[in-house]
Amino acid sequence: QVQLVESGGGLAQAGGSLRLACAFSGRTFSNYAMGWFRQAPGKEREFVAVIIQRPNSLTYTGDSAKGRFTISRDNAKNTMYLQMDSLMPEDTAVYYCAATSSYSLSTLRRAQTYNYWGQGTQVTVSS
């Protein structure tokens, strides 16, 4: 059974940075697509970014995060990261990491694709 544990959330000022981490355990990390989603109060869960190892090493970033957020993974540490720079108040949300071993490139941005989720970590950006 896959377990995911997020860390690194907190309070930041607009223009600042935070780095989130997601620790993976229970299966072979490199076999899984790893994604970040976020959910603000009263809004639907939103795709942020995803990183995969197969069929090729690829990353995809959602429109709201492009140019500001960077997703990465360390297979030796079974950990995924989200470096968030130039934070804005609208980035305030609970951030979730997610994992799936069953996917196609066209489905990676959909929350339904992922069958394992972390508990979430709060990110609050003040203006």
Foldseek 3Di string as FASTA:
>chain_A
DKAKAKDWADEAAQQAKTKMKIAIDDDQLLLKKKFKWWDDPPDDIFGAKIFHPPPHTDMDGDPVQPPFWDWDDDSVRNMIMIIGGNDDQVVWTWMKMFIDNDDDPVCPRPPVRTDYIHPTDTHGYHD
